[in-house]
C-alpha atoms as a PDB file:
ATOM      1  CA  MET A   1     -38.503  11.409  11.340  1.00  0.00           C
ATOM      2  CA  LEU A   2     -35.201  12.066   9.804  1.00  0.00           C
ATOM      3  CA  ILE A   3     -34.010   9.645   7.283  1.00  0.00           C
ATOM      4  CA  PHE A   4     -29.982   9.568   6.525  1.00  0.00           C
ATOM      5  CA  VAL A   5     -29.230   7.944   3.144  1.00  0.00           C
ATOM      6  CA  VAL A   6     -25.651   6.900   3.044  1.00  0.00           C
ATOM      7  CA  THR A   7     -24.142   6.167  -0.383  1.00  0.00           C
ATOM      8  CA  VAL A   8     -21.387   3.515  -0.702  1.00  0.00           C
ATOM      9  CA  LYS A   9     -19.357   3.946  -3.840  1.00  0.00           C
ATOM     10  CA  PRO A  10     -18.604   0.474  -6.154  1.00  0.00           C
ATOM     11  CA  ALA A  11     -15.992  -1.569  -4.601  1.00  0.00           C
ATOM     12  CA  GLU A  12     -14.411  -1.259  -7.901  1.00  0.00           C
ATOM     13  CA  LEU A  13     -13.677   2.543  -7.153  1.00  0.00           C
ATOM     14  CA  SER A  14     -11.911   1.612  -3.776  1.00  0.00           C
ATOM     15  CA  ASP A  15      -8.062   1.347  -3.496  1.00  0.00           C
ATOM     16  CA  ASP A  16      -8.446  -0.645  -0.300  1.00  0.00           C
ATOM     17  CA  TRP A  17     -12.022  -2.135   0.128  1.00  0.00           C
ATOM     18  CA  THR A  18     -11.063  -3.393   3.778  1.00  0.00           C
ATOM     19  CA  ARG A  19     -10.316   0.131   4.787  1.00  0.00           C
ATOM     20  CA  PHE A  20     -13.049   1.682   3.066  1.00  0.00           C
ATOM     21  CA  SER A  21     -15.470  -0.655   4.687  1.00  0.00           C
ATOM     22  CA  ALA A  22     -14.082   0.399   8.061  1.00  0.00           C
ATOM     23  CA  MET A  23     -14.964   3.957   7.008  1.00  0.00           C
ATOM     24  CA  VAL A  24     -18.430   3.037   6.224  1.00  0.00           C
ATOM     25  CA  ARG A  25     -18.858   1.138   9.512  1.00  0.00           C
ATOM     26  CA  ARG A  26     -17.726   4.224  11.422  1.00  0.00           C
ATOM     27  CA  THR A  27     -20.149   6.412   9.678  1.00  0.00           C
ATOM     28  CA  VAL A  28     -23.233   4.185  10.299  1.00  0.00           C
ATOM     29  CA  ALA A  29     -22.142   3.884  13.757  1.00  0.00           C
ATOM     30  CA  SER A  30     -22.010   7.647  14.289  1.00  0.00           C
ATOM     31  CA  LEU A  31     -25.485   7.934  12.996  1.00  0.00           C
ATOM     32  CA  THR A  32     -26.652   5.397  15.133  1.00  0.00           C
ATOM     33  CA  ARG A  33     -25.664   7.413  18.259  1.00  0.00           C
ATOM     34  CA  GLN A  34     -28.429  10.205  17.584  1.00  0.00           C
ATOM     35  CA  THR A  35     -29.765  11.494  20.806  1.00  0.00           C
ATOM     36  CA  SER A  36     -33.434  10.896  19.416  1.00  0.00           C
ATOM     37  CA  PRO A  37     -34.767   7.636  18.063  1.00  0.00           C
ATOM     38  CA  ALA A  38     -36.907   9.590  15.574  1.00  0.00           C
ATOM     39  CA  TYR A  39     -34.478   8.473  12.648  1.00  0.00           C
ATOM     40  CA  ARG A  40     -33.546   5.715  10.225  1.00  0.00           C
ATOM     41  CA  VAL A  41     -30.439   4.949   8.268  1.00  0.00           C
ATOM     42  CA  VAL A  42     -30.414   3.706   4.733  1.00  0.00           C
ATOM     43  CA  VAL A  43     -27.155   2.165   3.304  1.00  0.00           C
ATOM     44  CA  VAL A  44     -27.220   1.984  -0.479  1.00  0.00           C
ATOM     45  CA  HIS A  45     -24.685  -0.431  -1.842  1.00  0.00           C
ATOM     46  CA  ASP A  46     -24.058  -2.745  -4.525  1.00  0.00           C
ATOM     47  CA  THR A  47     -21.111  -4.475  -2.926  1.00  0.00           C
ATOM     48  CA  PRO A  48     -21.880  -4.637   0.798  1.00  0.00           C
ATOM     49  CA  PRO A  49     -19.220  -3.328   3.005  1.00  0.00           C
ATOM     50  CA  ASP A  50     -17.144  -5.842   5.140  1.00  0.00           C
ATOM     51  CA  ASP A  51     -18.568  -6.477   8.506  1.00  0.00           C
ATOM     52  CA  ALA A  52     -21.462  -4.184   8.018  1.00  0.00           C
ATOM     53  CA  LEU A  53     -22.880  -2.921  11.339  1.00  0.00           C
ATOM     54  CA  GLU A  54     -26.299  -4.254  12.290  1.00  0.00           C
ATOM     55  CA  HIS A  55     -28.684  -2.124  14.079  1.00  0.00           C
ATOM     56  CA  PRO A  56     -32.568  -1.968  14.514  1.00  0.00           C
ATOM     57  CA  ASN A  57     -32.782   1.334  12.737  1.00  0.00           C
ATOM     58  CA  VAL A  58     -30.291   0.686   9.833  1.00  0.00           C
ATOM     59  CA  ASP A  59     -31.523  -0.789   6.527  1.00  0.00           C
ATOM     60  CA  TYR A  60     -28.880  -2.020   3.764  1.00  0.00           C
ATOM     61  CA  LEU A  61     -30.320  -1.364   0.216  1.00  0.00           C
ATOM     62  CA  PRO A  62     -28.462  -3.329  -2.570  1.00  0.00           C
ATOM     63  CA  VAL A  63     -28.659  -1.788  -6.008  1.00  0.00           C
ATOM     64  CA  SER A  64     -27.221  -2.772  -9.517  1.00  0.00           C
ATOM     65  CA  LEU A  65     -25.834   0.061 -11.544  1.00  0.00           C
ATOM     66  CA  PRO A  66     -22.720   0.499 -14.234  1.00  0.00           C
ATOM     67  CA  ILE A  67     -19.385   1.227 -12.722  1.00  0.00           C
ATOM     68  CA  PRO A  68     -18.739   4.866 -13.387  1.00  0.00           C
ATOM     69  CA  HIS A  69     -15.598   5.880 -15.083  1.00  0.00           C
ATOM     70  CA  ASP A  70     -15.239   9.656 -14.775  1.00  0.00           C
ATOM     71  CA  TRP A  71     -16.048  12.588 -12.394  1.00  0.00           C
ATOM     72  CA  ALA A  72     -19.525  13.024 -14.576  1.00  0.00           C
ATOM     73  CA  THR A  73     -20.461   9.515 -14.286  1.00  0.00           C
ATOM     74  CA  MET A  74     -19.493   9.288 -10.706  1.00  0.00           C
ATOM     75  CA  GLU A  75     -22.075  12.306 -10.030  1.00  0.00           C
ATOM     76  CA  ASN A  76     -24.776  10.422 -12.010  1.00  0.00           C
ATOM     77  CA  ASP A  77     -23.919   7.132  -9.925  1.00  0.00           C
ATOM     78  CA  LYS A  78     -24.385   9.011  -6.447  1.00  0.00           C
ATOM     79  CA  ALA A  79     -27.605  10.571  -7.579  1.00  0.00           C
ATOM     80  CA  ARG A  80     -28.970   7.311  -8.433  1.00  0.00           C
ATOM     81  CA  ARG A  81     -27.910   5.722  -5.135  1.00  0.00           C
ATOM     82  CA  LEU A  82     -29.354   8.635  -3.477  1.00  0.00           C
ATOM     83  CA  LEU A  83     -32.848   8.541  -5.345  1.00  0.00           C
ATOM     84  CA  ALA A  84     -33.005   4.617  -4.586  1.00  0.00           C
ATOM     85  CA  GLY A  85     -32.354   5.376  -0.809  1.00  0.00           C
ATOM     86  CA  ILE A  86     -34.971   8.146  -0.758  1.00  0.00           C
ATOM     87  CA  ASP A  87     -37.651   5.978  -2.586  1.00  0.00           C
ATOM     88  CA  PHE A  88     -36.918   3.062  -0.356  1.00  0.00           C
ATOM     89  CA  ALA A  89     -37.085   5.469   3.008  1.00  0.00           C
ATOM     90  CA  ARG A  90     -40.483   6.916   2.008  1.00  0.00           C
ATOM     91  CA  ARG A  91     -42.021   3.661   3.755  1.00  0.00           C
ATOM     92  CA  TYR A  92     -40.996   5.231   7.165  1.00  0.00           C
ATOM     93  CA  ARG A  93     -42.914   8.299   6.098  1.00  0.00           C
ATOM     94  CA  PRO A  94     -40.025  10.767   7.108  1.00  0.00           C
ATOM     95  CA  THR A  95     -40.332  14.501   7.334  1.00  0.00           C
ATOM     96  CA  HIS A  96     -36.700  15.162   6.142  1.00  0.00           C
ATOM     97  CA  VAL A  97     -33.822  13.263   4.292  1.00  0.00           C
ATOM     98  CA  MET A  98     -30.042  13.980   4.761  1.00  0.00           C
ATOM     99  CA  ALA A  99     -27.679  12.580   2.276  1.00  0.00           C
ATOM    100  CA  VAL A 100     -24.467  11.330   4.015  1.00  0.00           C
ATOM    101  CA  ASP A 101     -21.158  10.500   2.123  1.00  0.00           C
ATOM    102  CA  ALA A 102     -19.894   6.961   3.308  1.00  0.00           C
ATOM    103  CA  ASP A 103     -16.775   8.584   5.045  1.00  0.00           C
ATOM    104  CA  ASP A 104     -18.263  11.451   6.841  1.00  0.00           C
ATOM    105  CA  VAL A 105     -19.887  11.580  10.259  1.00  0.00           C
ATOM    106  CA  VAL A 106     -22.732  14.040  11.577  1.00  0.00           C
ATOM    107  CA  SER A 107     -24.031  15.862  14.833  1.00  0.00           C
ATOM    108  CA  VAL A 108     -25.623  13.421  17.070  1.00  0.00           C
ATOM    109  CA  ARG A 109     -28.158  16.163  17.825  1.00  0.00           C
ATOM    110  CA  LEU A 110     -29.729  16.201  14.166  1.00  0.00           C
ATOM    111  CA  ALA A 111     -32.420  13.866  14.666  1.00  0.00           C
ATOM    112  CA  ALA A 112     -33.825  15.909  17.907  1.00  0.00           C
ATOM    113  CA  PHE A 113     -33.224  19.122  16.166  1.00  0.00           C
ATOM    114  CA  VAL A 114     -35.390  18.105  12.915  1.00  0.00           C
ATOM    115  CA  ALA A 115     -38.038  16.133  15.206  1.00  0.00           C
ATOM    116  CA  ALA A 116     -38.558  19.454  16.926  1.00  0.00           C
ATOM    117  CA  ASN A 117     -39.008  21.537  13.688  1.00  0.00           C
ATOM    118  CA  PRO A 118     -40.823  19.055  11.600  1.00  0.00           C
ATOM    119  CA  ASP A 119     -42.564  22.024   9.252  1.00  0.00           C
ATOM    120  CA  THR A 120     -39.107  23.730   8.227  1.00  0.00           C
ATOM    121  CA  PRO A 121     -38.643  23.050   4.695  1.00  0.00           C
ATOM    122  CA  GLY A 122     -34.885  22.167   5.293  1.00  0.00           C
ATOM    123  CA  TRP A 123     -31.481  23.623   6.373  1.00  0.00           C
ATOM    124  CA  VAL A 124     -28.284  23.941   5.039  1.00  0.00           C
ATOM    125  CA  CYS A 125     -24.939  23.100   7.092  1.00  0.00           C
ATOM    126  CA  ARG A 126     -23.069  26.148   6.698  1.00  0.00           C
ATOM    127  CA  GLN A 127     -20.726  25.419   9.680  1.00  0.00           C
ATOM    128  CA  GLY A 128     -18.766  22.044  10.038  1.00  0.00           C
ATOM    129  CA  TYR A 129     -15.387  20.597  10.292  1.00  0.00           C
ATOM    130  CA  ILE A 130     -12.813  19.404   7.880  1.00  0.00           C
ATOM    131  CA  TRP A 131     -10.750  16.432   9.585  1.00  0.00           C
ATOM    132  CA  PRO A 132      -7.582  15.340   7.835  1.00  0.00           C
ATOM    133  CA  SER A 133      -7.139  11.770   8.510  1.00  0.00           C
ATOM    134  CA  GLY A 134      -5.099  10.609  11.271  1.00  0.00           C
ATOM    135  CA  ARG A 135      -4.509  14.346  12.791  1.00  0.00           C
ATOM    136  CA  PRO A 136      -5.306  15.241  16.171  1.00  0.00           C
ATOM    137  CA  VAL A 137      -6.692  18.640  15.181  1.00  0.00           C
ATOM    138  CA  VAL A 138      -9.823  19.516  13.078  1.00  0.00           C
ATOM    139  CA  LEU A 139     -10.437  22.739  10.891  1.00  0.00           C
ATOM    140  CA  ARG A 140     -13.933  24.559  11.725  1.00  0.00           C
ATOM    141  CA  GLU A 141     -15.242  25.735   8.433  1.00  0.00           C
ATOM    142  CA  ARG A 142     -17.438  28.767   9.900  1.00  0.00           C
ATOM    143  CA  ARG A 143     -19.427  29.487   6.633  1.00  0.00           C
ATOM    144  CA  GLY A 144     -18.712  27.673   3.579  1.00  0.00           C
ATOM    145  CA  PHE A 145     -19.081  23.960   4.541  1.00  0.00           C
ATOM    146  CA  ALA A 146     -21.844  23.134   2.044  1.00  0.00           C
ATOM    147  CA  GLU A 147     -19.463  24.155  -0.790  1.00  0.00           C
ATOM    148  CA  LEU A 148     -16.824  21.581   0.181  1.00  0.00           C
ATOM    149  CA  CYS A 149     -19.065  18.566   2.043  1.00  0.00           C
ATOM    150  CA  GLY A 150     -21.816  16.498   0.119  1.00  0.00           C
ATOM    151  CA  SER A 151     -23.109  15.836   3.644  1.00  0.00           C
ATOM    152  CA  SER A 152     -24.607  19.311   4.287  1.00  0.00           C
ATOM    153  CA  LEU A 153     -28.374  19.480   3.379  1.00  0.00           C
ATOM    154  CA  ILE A 154     -31.265  18.341   5.362  1.00  0.00           C
ATOM    155  CA  LEU A 155     -34.265  18.412   3.118  1.00  0.00           C
ATOM    156  CA  GLY A 156     -37.873  18.155   3.559  1.00  0.00           C
ATOM    157  CA  GLU A 157     -39.269  15.013   2.043  1.00  0.00           C
ATOM    158  CA  ARG A 158     -41.574  17.107  -0.306  1.00  0.00           C
ATOM    159  CA  ILE A 159     -38.860  19.443  -1.690  1.00  0.00           C
ATOM    160  CA  VAL A 160     -35.799  16.862  -1.885  1.00  0.00           C
ATOM    161  CA  GLY A 161     -36.609  16.430  -5.688  1.00  0.00           C
ATOM    162  CA  GLU A 162     -35.705  19.743  -6.321  1.00  0.00           C
ATOM    163  CA  PHE A 163     -32.191  19.099  -5.649  1.00  0.00           C
ATOM    164  CA  PHE A 164     -31.690  16.806  -8.389  1.00  0.00           C
ATOM    165  CA  ARG A 165     -30.732  18.243 -11.793  1.00  0.00           C
ATOM    166  CA  GLU A 166     -31.007  16.914 -15.425  1.00  0.00           C
ATOM    167  CA  GLU A 167     -29.412  19.477 -17.410  1.00  0.00           C
ATOM    168  CA  SER A 168     -25.907  19.116 -18.807  1.00  0.00           C
ATOM    169  CA  VAL A 169     -23.279  20.271 -15.987  1.00  0.00           C
ATOM    170  CA  ALA A 170     -19.735  20.553 -16.623  1.00  0.00           C
ATOM    171  CA  PHE A 171     -17.407  19.001 -14.118  1.00  0.00           C
ATOM    172  CA  ARG A 172     -13.580  18.803 -13.498  1.00  0.00           C
ATOM    173  CA  GLY A 173     -11.607  18.480 -16.976  1.00  0.00           C
ATOM    174  CA  GLY A 174     -15.004  20.006 -19.019  1.00  0.00           C
ATOM    175  CA  LEU A 175     -16.579  16.385 -18.526  1.00  0.00           C
ATOM    176  CA  ARG A 176     -20.340  16.573 -18.793  1.00  0.00           C
ATOM    177  CA  LEU A 177     -23.323  14.381 -17.736  1.00  0.00           C
ATOM    178  CA  PRO A 178     -24.214  11.870 -20.406  1.00  0.00           C
ATOM    179  CA  PRO A 179     -27.674  12.075 -21.742  1.00  0.00           C
ATOM    180  CA  GLY A 180     -30.463  10.749 -19.329  1.00  0.00           C
ATOM    181  CA  SER A 181     -27.844  11.511 -16.235  1.00  0.00           C
ATOM    182  CA  LEU A 182     -28.719  13.092 -12.819  1.00  0.00           C
ATOM    183  CA  TRP A 183     -26.675  14.816 -10.322  1.00  0.00           C
ATOM    184  CA  PHE A 184     -27.521  15.883  -6.864  1.00  0.00           C
ATOM    185  CA  ASP A 185     -26.839  19.732  -6.099  1.00  0.00           C
ATOM    186  CA  HIS A 186     -25.465  19.947  -2.621  1.00  0.00           C
ATOM    187  CA  GLN A 187     -24.422  23.489  -3.119  1.00  0.00           C
ATOM    188  CA  ARG A 188     -28.083  24.640  -3.893  1.00  0.00           C
ATOM    189  CA  THR A 189     -29.776  26.582  -0.840  1.00  0.00           C
ATOM    190  CA  GLN A 190     -32.765  28.072  -2.976  1.00  0.00           C
ATOM    191  CA  LEU A 191     -36.095  26.078  -3.348  1.00  0.00           C
ATOM    192  CA  ASP A 192     -38.185  26.466  -6.526  1.00  0.00           C
ATOM    193  CA  SER A 193     -40.493  28.823  -4.624  1.00  0.00           C
ATOM    194  CA  GLY A 194     -37.609  31.308  -4.119  1.00  0.00           C
ATOM    195  CA  GLU A 195     -37.289  30.600  -0.456  1.00  0.00           C
ATOM    196  CA  THR A 196     -33.781  30.066   1.058  1.00  0.00           C
ATOM    197  CA  LEU A 197     -33.110  27.132   3.235  1.00  0.00           C
ATOM    198  CA  ALA A 198     -32.471  27.942   6.617  1.00  0.00           C
ATOM    199  CA  SER A 199     -28.791  27.609   8.267  1.00  0.00           C
ATOM    200  CA  LEU A 200     -28.492  25.228  10.658  1.00  0.00           C
ATOM    201  CA  PRO A 201     -27.820  26.991  13.892  1.00  0.00           C
ATOM    202  CA  PHE A 202     -24.582  24.572  14.865  1.00  0.00           C
ATOM    203  CA  PRO A 203     -21.974  22.515  13.022  1.00  0.00           C
ATOM    204  CA  GLY A 204     -23.897  19.677  11.314  1.00  0.00           C
ATOM    205  CA  ALA A 205     -21.169  17.239  10.135  1.00  0.00           C
ATOM    206  CA  VAL A 206     -17.403  16.304   9.902  1.00  0.00           C
ATOM    207  CA  TYR A 207     -15.691  15.970   6.479  1.00  0.00           C
ATOM    208  CA  LEU A 208     -12.939  13.582   6.620  1.00  0.00           C
ATOM    209  CA  VAL A 209     -10.325  13.950   4.008  1.00  0.00           C
ATOM    210  CA  LEU A 210      -6.660  12.654   3.129  1.00  0.00           C
ATOM    211  CA  HIS A 211      -7.585   9.082   3.976  1.00  0.00           C
ATOM    212  CA  GLY A 212      -7.003   7.757   0.481  1.00  0.00           C
ATOM    213  CA  GLU A 213     -10.497   6.912  -0.394  1.00  0.00           C
ATOM    214  CA  ASN A 214     -12.164  10.515  -1.305  1.00  0.00           C
ATOM    215  CA  ILE A 215     -13.765  10.402  -4.704  1.00  0.00           C
ATOM    216  CA  ARG A 216     -13.578  14.106  -5.271  1.00  0.00           C
ATOM    217  CA  ALA A 217     -11.496  15.699  -2.354  1.00  0.00           C
ATOM    218  CA  THR A 218      -7.990  14.278  -3.698  1.00  0.00           C
ATOM    219  CA  GLY A 219      -5.035  14.832  -1.692  1.00  0.00           C
ATOM    220  CA  ASP A 220      -3.594  17.439  -4.077  1.00  0.00           C
ATOM    221  CA  LEU A 221      -6.968  19.312  -3.986  1.00  0.00           C
ATOM    222  CA  VAL A 222      -7.327  19.403  -0.197  1.00  0.00           C
ATOM    223  CA  ARG A 223      -3.769  20.584   0.348  1.00  0.00           C
ATOM    224  CA  GLU A 224      -4.134  23.365  -2.203  1.00  0.00           C
ATOM    225  CA  ARG A 225      -7.136  24.589  -0.117  1.00  0.00           C
ATOM    226  CA  LEU A 226      -6.029  23.949   3.603  1.00  0.00           C
ATOM    227  CA  VAL A 227      -2.192  23.667   3.712  1.00  0.00           C
ATOM    228  CA  LEU A 228      -0.098  26.858   4.436  1.00  0.00           C
ATOM    229  CA  ARG A 229       2.112  27.609   1.283  1.00  0.00           C
ATOM    230  CA  SER A 230       4.166  30.290   3.575  1.00  0.00           C
ATOM    231  CA  ILE A 231       3.998  31.415   7.285  1.00  0.00           C
ATOM    232  CA  ALA A 232       2.889  34.758   5.921  1.00  0.00           C
ATOM    233  CA  GLY A 233      -0.567  33.076   5.373  1.00  0.00           C
ATOM    234  CA  LEU A 234      -0.864  31.793   8.856  1.00  0.00           C
ATOM    235  CA  PRO A 235      -3.097  34.646  10.295  1.00  0.00           C
ATOM    236  CA  ALA A 236      -5.548  34.413   7.443  1.00  0.00           C
ATOM    237  CA  LYS A 237      -5.900  30.558   7.458  1.00  0.00           C
ATOM    238  CA  VAL A 238      -6.487  30.751  11.287  1.00  0.00           C
ATOM    239  CA  LEU A 239      -9.240  33.119  10.799  1.00  0.00           C
ATOM    240  CA  ARG A 240     -10.701  31.359   8.013  1.00  0.00           C
ATOM    241  CA  ARG A 241     -10.708  27.906   9.504  1.00  0.00           C
ATOM    242  CA  PRO A 242      -9.915  27.871  13.254  1.00  0.00           C
ATOM    243  CA  PRO A 243      -8.083  24.553  14.408  1.00  0.00           C
ATOM    244  CA  ARG A 244      -9.821  22.600  17.161  1.00  0.00           C
ATOM    245  CA  LEU A 245      -8.289  19.604  19.162  1.00  0.00           C
ATOM    246  CA  VAL A 246     -10.197  16.098  18.538  1.00  0.00           C
ATOM    247  CA  THR A 247     -11.215  15.878  22.316  1.00  0.00           C
ATOM    248  CA  ALA A 248     -13.468  13.365  23.856  1.00  0.00           C
ATOM    249  CA  ARG A 249     -16.135  15.898  23.870  1.00  0.00           C
ATOM    250  CA  PHE A 250     -15.891  16.432  20.076  1.00  0.00           C
ATOM    251  CA  ARG A 251     -16.006  12.657  19.511  1.00  0.00           C
ATOM    252  CA  GLN A 252     -19.173  12.542  21.638  1.00  0.00           C
ATOM    253  CA  GLU A 253     -20.773  15.323  19.629  1.00  0.00           C
ATOM    254  CA  PHE A 254     -20.093  13.226  16.227  1.00  0.00           C
ATOM    255  CA  GLY A 255     -20.882   9.788  17.513  1.00  0.00           C
ATOM    256  CA  LEU A 256     -17.308   8.666  17.408  1.00  0.00           C
ATOM    257  CA  GLN A 257     -15.818   6.153  19.739  1.00  0.00           C
ATOM    258  CA  PRO A 258     -12.558   7.093  21.907  1.00  0.00           C
END
């Protein structure tokens, strides 16, 4: 069984809680459209999202954590929420766990794929899509998706603890984790044993950006990476991240309603 753990940021960090709650509902709804019933969703929050989606496979887990105040403490907050969700999920005896950001969506094929490969240590989503909010096209990230998006690792329950770090780590602006803090390393692909995570053989998730509620992917950062600075850069951009129309088939693949 695959457990999706969705981490909901504190309401105090949201510019528009109603808008963000709608994003959480969209994410949870997409997760419940898996083609296999072998999954559960655990939503970890302190303030419950408005109009939370009720579903037999979805649990809402309240927590109480200090409000983070910078990039480093935000990483610690997310890691603590993930750990709480994983600990709760163990009652379902999962084979694998996937951290999902509350504004992303994933392929409806994941639960079935994991159920067919229960002994694999885990996978990294090297392929995925970047979707600037409100645009009629997405950009396909062919190889570096895990470097951009936190919804990129499917980890065996036995190894998931290896991806939580305690050592001091520098974040933007030179900020470091306070003593006793944790962070979840979604860019890591190698296990303590030396084995490398397998690559998921299909695009695993959609990274939604430029909607006003991203914590790490701010507008300036995303535009710096994605937006053309000159027409001369067009061929390289298209080859690096080819565009795709948001079609009915695309929406079906990622559990999105029309």
